[in-house]
Protein backbone atom coordinates (compact mmCIF):
# COMPACT_ATOMS: atom_id res chain seq x y z
CA MET A 1 -0.05 -0.01 -0.03
CA ILE A 2 1.30 3.47 -0.97
CA GLU A 3 1.37 5.46 2.11
CA LEU A 4 0.39 9.15 2.14
CA GLY A 5 2.86 11.31 4.15
CA ARG A 6 5.69 8.84 4.29
CA LYS A 7 8.97 8.17 2.81
CA GLN A 8 9.06 4.67 0.88
CA ASN A 9 10.90 2.83 -1.73
CA LEU A 10 8.75 2.33 -4.91
CA LYS A 11 9.52 0.69 -8.17
CA VAL A 12 9.36 2.38 -11.64
CA ILE A 13 6.58 0.69 -13.71
CA LYS A 14 6.22 3.11 -16.44
CA LYS A 15 7.98 5.94 -18.07
CA THR A 16 6.14 8.94 -19.72
CA ASP A 17 6.91 12.34 -21.29
CA PHE A 18 5.77 13.92 -18.00
CA GLY A 19 7.48 11.72 -15.44
CA VAL A 20 7.43 8.02 -14.25
CA TYR A 21 4.73 6.12 -12.50
CA LEU A 22 5.80 4.30 -9.38
CA SER A 23 4.21 1.32 -7.61
CA ASP A 24 4.64 -0.83 -4.42
CA GLY A 25 3.66 -4.02 -6.20
CA SER A 26 0.01 -3.49 -5.74
CA GLU A 27 -2.41 -2.06 -8.21
CA GLU A 28 -1.81 1.47 -6.87
CA ARG A 29 0.53 3.76 -8.63
CA VAL A 30 1.80 7.23 -8.08
CA LEU A 31 3.36 9.89 -10.48
CA LEU A 32 6.83 11.18 -9.95
CA PRO A 33 6.99 14.27 -12.09
CA LYS A 34 9.57 14.71 -14.81
CA LYS A 35 11.54 17.48 -13.02
CA GLN A 36 12.01 15.05 -10.04
CA VAL A 37 13.19 12.02 -12.03
CA PRO A 38 16.86 11.26 -11.81
CA GLN A 39 18.71 11.14 -15.21
CA PHE A 40 19.38 7.40 -15.40
CA LEU A 41 16.32 6.06 -13.70
CA LYS A 42 14.78 3.32 -15.67
CA THR A 43 11.93 0.90 -15.49
CA GLY A 44 12.34 -1.68 -12.92
CA ASP A 45 14.56 0.53 -10.62
CA SER A 46 13.49 1.40 -7.09
CA ILE A 47 13.68 4.78 -5.67
CA GLU A 48 12.91 6.40 -2.33
CA VAL A 49 10.21 9.04 -2.52
CA PHE A 50 7.93 11.01 -0.14
CA VAL A 51 4.16 10.84 -1.16
CA TYR A 52 1.76 13.73 -0.63
CA LYS A 53 -0.97 15.56 -2.43
CA ASP A 54 -0.56 18.44 -4.95
CA SER A 55 -2.62 21.67 -5.34
CA SER A 56 -5.23 19.69 -7.28
CA ASP A 57 -5.62 17.03 -4.50
CA ARG A 58 -3.85 14.43 -6.64
CA ILE A 59 -1.49 11.82 -4.98
CA ILE A 60 2.10 12.67 -6.19
CA ALA A 61 5.69 11.74 -5.31
CA THR A 62 8.76 13.77 -4.79
CA THR A 63 12.39 13.08 -4.22
CA ALA A 64 12.54 16.26 -2.16
CA GLU A 65 13.31 15.80 1.60
CA PRO A 66 10.35 17.04 3.87
CA TYR A 67 10.99 18.52 7.28
CA ILE A 68 8.43 16.23 8.75
CA THR A 69 6.48 13.01 7.86
CA VAL A 70 3.33 11.51 9.36
CA GLY A 71 3.59 10.81 13.07
CA GLU A 72 6.76 12.89 13.52
CA LEU A 73 7.48 16.15 15.36
CA ALA A 74 9.08 18.99 13.87
CA ILE A 75 9.32 22.74 14.36
CA LEU A 76 8.05 24.54 11.27
CA GLU A 77 7.56 28.18 10.37
CA VAL A 78 4.12 29.92 9.62
CA LYS A 79 4.39 31.23 6.01
CA GLU A 80 0.81 32.49 5.61
CA MET A 81 -2.38 32.90 7.59
CA SER A 82 -5.75 32.02 5.92
CA LYS A 83 -9.43 31.69 6.64
CA ILE A 84 -9.01 27.94 7.49
CA GLY A 85 -5.77 28.05 9.52
CA ALA A 86 -1.96 28.56 9.05
CA PHE A 87 0.18 27.32 6.27
CA LEU A 88 3.49 25.86 7.36
CA ASP A 89 6.69 25.60 5.30
CA TYR A 90 7.65 21.82 5.43
CA GLY A 91 10.18 21.84 2.68
CA LEU A 92 8.05 21.06 -0.35
CA GLU A 93 6.24 23.25 -3.03
CA ARG A 94 2.97 22.88 -1.37
CA ASP A 95 2.67 24.12 2.33
CA LEU A 96 1.19 22.18 5.10
CA LEU A 97 -2.09 23.17 6.75
CA LEU A 98 -2.40 23.76 10.45
CA PRO A 99 -6.19 24.04 11.06
CA PHE A 100 -7.51 26.51 13.58
CA LYS A 101 -8.98 23.46 15.57
CA GLU A 102 -5.54 22.00 15.94
CA MET A 103 -4.03 25.07 17.39
CA THR A 104 -3.48 25.43 21.06
CA GLU A 105 -3.17 29.13 20.87
CA ASN A 106 -3.18 31.84 18.29
CA VAL A 107 -0.17 31.45 16.02
CA MET A 108 1.91 34.29 14.11
CA GLU A 109 3.09 34.51 10.57
CA GLY A 110 6.75 34.20 10.73
CA LYS A 111 7.18 32.39 14.01
CA LYS A 112 7.99 28.58 14.38
CA TYR A 113 5.84 26.14 16.29
CA LEU A 114 6.31 22.40 17.17
CA VAL A 115 3.71 20.36 15.37
CA ALA A 116 3.15 16.86 14.39
CA MET A 117 1.84 15.68 10.97
CA TYR A 118 -1.21 13.51 10.54
CA VAL A 119 -3.72 12.47 7.79
CA ASP A 120 -7.01 14.03 8.29
CA ARG A 121 -10.60 12.62 7.69
CA SER A 122 -10.44 13.89 3.99
CA LYS A 123 -7.28 12.04 3.38
CA ARG A 124 -5.10 15.16 3.28
CA LEU A 125 -1.85 15.89 5.24
CA ALA A 126 -2.28 18.30 8.23
CA ALA A 127 -0.48 19.55 11.19
CA THR A 128 -1.37 19.88 14.78
CA MET A 129 -0.10 21.50 17.92
CA LYS A 130 -1.96 18.97 20.03
CA ILE A 131 0.93 16.75 20.35
CA ASP A 132 0.48 14.96 23.72
CA ARG A 133 -0.11 11.55 22.03
CA TYR A 134 3.04 11.86 19.99
CA LEU A 135 5.29 12.30 22.99
CA GLU A 136 7.17 9.48 24.83
CA PRO A 137 8.05 8.92 28.54
CA ALA A 138 11.55 10.05 29.39
CA GLU A 139 13.66 7.26 30.84
CA LYS A 140 17.13 8.75 29.98
CA TYR A 141 16.90 11.61 32.51
CA GLY A 142 17.09 11.95 36.14
CA ARG A 143 16.45 14.55 38.62
CA ASP A 144 18.39 17.87 38.37
CA ALA A 145 19.29 16.94 34.72
CA GLU A 146 19.48 20.07 32.38
CA VAL A 147 17.20 19.63 29.34
CA GLU A 148 16.13 21.72 26.46
CA GLY A 149 12.64 21.61 24.94
CA THR A 150 9.88 23.43 22.92
CA ILE A 151 6.86 24.99 24.63
CA TYR A 152 3.87 23.68 22.71
CA GLU A 153 0.92 24.76 24.98
CA ILE A 154 0.18 26.96 27.97
CA ASN A 155 -2.64 26.29 30.29
CA GLU A 156 -3.03 29.17 32.77
CA ASP A 157 -4.31 26.66 35.41
CA ILE A 158 -1.69 24.05 34.97
CA GLY A 159 1.42 25.50 33.56
CA ALA A 160 3.39 25.09 30.27
CA PHE A 161 3.66 21.92 28.35
CA VAL A 162 7.09 21.30 26.95
CA ALA A 163 8.32 18.80 24.48
CA VAL A 164 11.83 18.00 25.85
CA ASP A 165 14.12 17.30 23.11
CA ASN A 166 11.09 17.58 21.12
CA LYS A 167 10.38 14.05 21.92
CA TYR A 168 9.38 13.63 25.70
CA PHE A 169 6.61 14.89 27.77
CA GLY A 170 7.44 17.74 30.13
CA LEU A 171 5.58 20.23 32.24
CA ILE A 172 6.72 23.51 33.90
CA PRO A 173 4.04 23.83 36.68
CA LYS A 174 2.17 27.00 37.06
CA LYS A 175 4.05 28.04 40.23
CA GLU A 176 7.43 27.95 38.14
CA LEU A 177 6.15 30.26 35.43
CA HIS A 178 7.48 33.63 36.17
CA GLY A 179 8.08 35.70 33.12
CA ASN A 180 6.77 35.82 29.60
CA PHE A 181 6.50 32.41 27.91
CA THR A 182 4.52 31.59 24.73
CA ALA A 183 3.97 28.58 22.57
CA GLY A 184 6.89 28.02 20.36
CA ASP A 185 9.48 29.20 22.87
CA VAL A 186 12.62 27.04 23.08
CA VAL A 187 13.41 26.87 26.84
CA LYS A 188 16.35 25.48 28.86
CA THR A 189 14.99 23.77 32.12
CA ARG A 190 15.94 21.68 35.01
CA VAL A 191 14.27 18.37 35.78
CA THR A 192 12.75 18.71 39.21
CA GLU A 193 10.76 15.36 39.23
CA VAL A 194 10.63 12.19 37.10
CA ARG A 195 7.02 10.98 37.60
CA ARG A 196 6.17 7.24 37.62
CA ASP A 197 4.53 7.56 34.24
CA GLY A 198 7.95 8.77 32.84
CA LYS A 199 6.73 12.31 32.42
CA LEU A 200 8.93 15.14 33.58
CA ASN A 201 8.10 18.12 35.94
CA LEU A 202 10.51 21.09 34.94
CA SER A 203 11.73 24.34 36.18
CA PRO A 204 13.34 27.15 34.03
CA PHE A 205 15.34 27.98 37.19
CA LYS A 206 18.43 26.53 38.75
CA LYS A 207 18.66 25.28 42.35
CA SER A 208 18.07 28.29 44.63
CA TYR A 209 21.64 28.57 45.77
CA MET A 210 22.87 28.42 42.17
CA GLN A 211 20.19 30.67 40.86
CA MET A 212 20.81 33.38 43.47
CA ASP A 213 23.85 34.86 41.72
CA GLU A 214 22.16 35.12 38.38
CA ASP A 215 18.96 36.67 39.98
CA SER A 216 21.07 39.23 41.81
CA GLU A 217 22.71 40.35 38.51
CA LYS A 218 19.33 40.62 37.00
CA ILE A 219 18.01 42.77 39.88
CA VAL A 220 21.09 45.08 39.46
CA LYS A 221 20.47 45.63 35.83
CA VAL A 222 16.81 46.45 36.43
CA ILE A 223 17.54 48.86 39.25
CA GLU A 224 20.04 50.52 36.84
CA GLU A 225 17.36 50.82 34.25
CA TYR A 226 15.41 52.79 36.97
CA ASN A 227 18.34 55.19 37.29
CA GLY A 228 19.55 53.46 40.50
CA CYS A 229 16.51 53.64 42.49
CA LEU A 230 13.69 50.87 42.31
CA PRO A 231 10.30 52.41 43.08
CA TYR A 232 9.47 49.79 45.59
CA ASN A 233 11.19 47.54 47.94
CA ASP A 234 11.23 43.73 48.69
CA LYS A 235 7.63 43.85 50.04
CA ALA A 236 6.38 44.47 46.51
CA SER A 237 3.57 42.05 45.12
CA PRO A 238 4.43 38.86 43.45
CA GLU A 239 2.73 40.23 40.25
CA VAL A 240 5.04 43.30 40.10
CA ILE A 241 7.93 41.34 40.77
CA ALA A 242 7.17 38.68 38.07
CA HIS A 243 6.50 41.36 35.54
CA ASP A 244 9.80 43.33 36.11
CA PHE A 245 12.16 40.44 37.00
CA GLY A 246 10.58 37.28 35.76
CA MET A 247 11.12 35.55 39.15
CA SER A 248 9.04 34.45 42.11
CA LYS A 249 8.92 36.73 45.06
CA ALA A 250 10.87 34.13 47.24
CA ALA A 251 13.74 34.13 44.55
CA PHE A 252 13.58 37.98 44.45
CA LYS A 253 13.85 38.20 48.25
CA ARG A 254 16.78 35.92 48.42
CA ALA A 255 18.58 37.73 45.66
CA VAL A 256 17.98 41.08 47.30
CA GLY A 257 19.20 39.75 50.63
CA LYS A 258 22.33 38.61 48.95
CA LEU A 259 22.91 42.10 47.47
CA TYR A 260 22.18 43.69 50.83
CA ARG A 261 24.68 41.50 52.70
CA GLU A 262 27.27 42.37 49.99
CA HIS A 263 26.48 46.16 50.68
CA ARG A 264 25.67 46.68 46.88
CA ILE A 265 22.17 48.02 47.70
CA ASP A 266 20.22 49.96 50.46
CA ILE A 267 16.54 49.16 51.42
CA THR A 268 14.27 51.78 52.51
CA GLU A 269 10.56 51.70 53.44
CA LYS A 270 9.74 52.66 49.84
CA ASN A 271 12.80 51.84 47.59
CA ILE A 272 15.70 49.69 46.80
CA ILE A 273 18.79 51.87 46.03
CA LEU A 274 21.85 50.78 44.14
CA LYS A 275 25.03 51.88 45.82
CA GLU A 276 27.72 53.32 43.67
């Protein structure tokens, strides 16, 4: 059976002026257009091709290498928005449709998103951002391992869902989401827990004693942007701290305490002042 959306080896059964017809040994056949036919390919030869549908909805073969095949995950760029969804560049002449119903949030032209490819009910290739079922348990990582992944969905009540290595299921819990994160962001995180089902709980922050130095320097830079005087002290609300610093109030207080002990700042009833 010739499989839509997959690379496969097919045999040349007929040559024509406009290309060659390929078959898998069954009665099915698919055209490889002339511009795609290698110079010395002859009847009876086998060739690896990718099978998809052209703009006229006809099954067609290509020797071009797609960025993604059915069941796989890949980061693809939005080339164009339309009334039915977003069209993604996946390396072929015809773009791949990401329907609105398969989006986990609004997407933007020119930005890249992690998607999976599937065959829809009308037997056409399509993309989805709902990739949970395509992700695997992560057996190779332990607690405190540093990993990289792509955010593919953000749930305000749960957190940010991350595809670690674009292959394994990970979650940054809501309590760890300090700062601006959106779907499509590539993030470096730390494994805080390997759950029994193999799914990973993640944090975008290092352990507190390691994170403190980095947070302290971030605070200094922000105070400098306020001309050396922060318009609030360490009793500011968690929302203000998250907005200005992208960190939790606890992390902020730890870093401010470090700067104070090092005599780099003064803390007043209303301000934090950077010492010269």
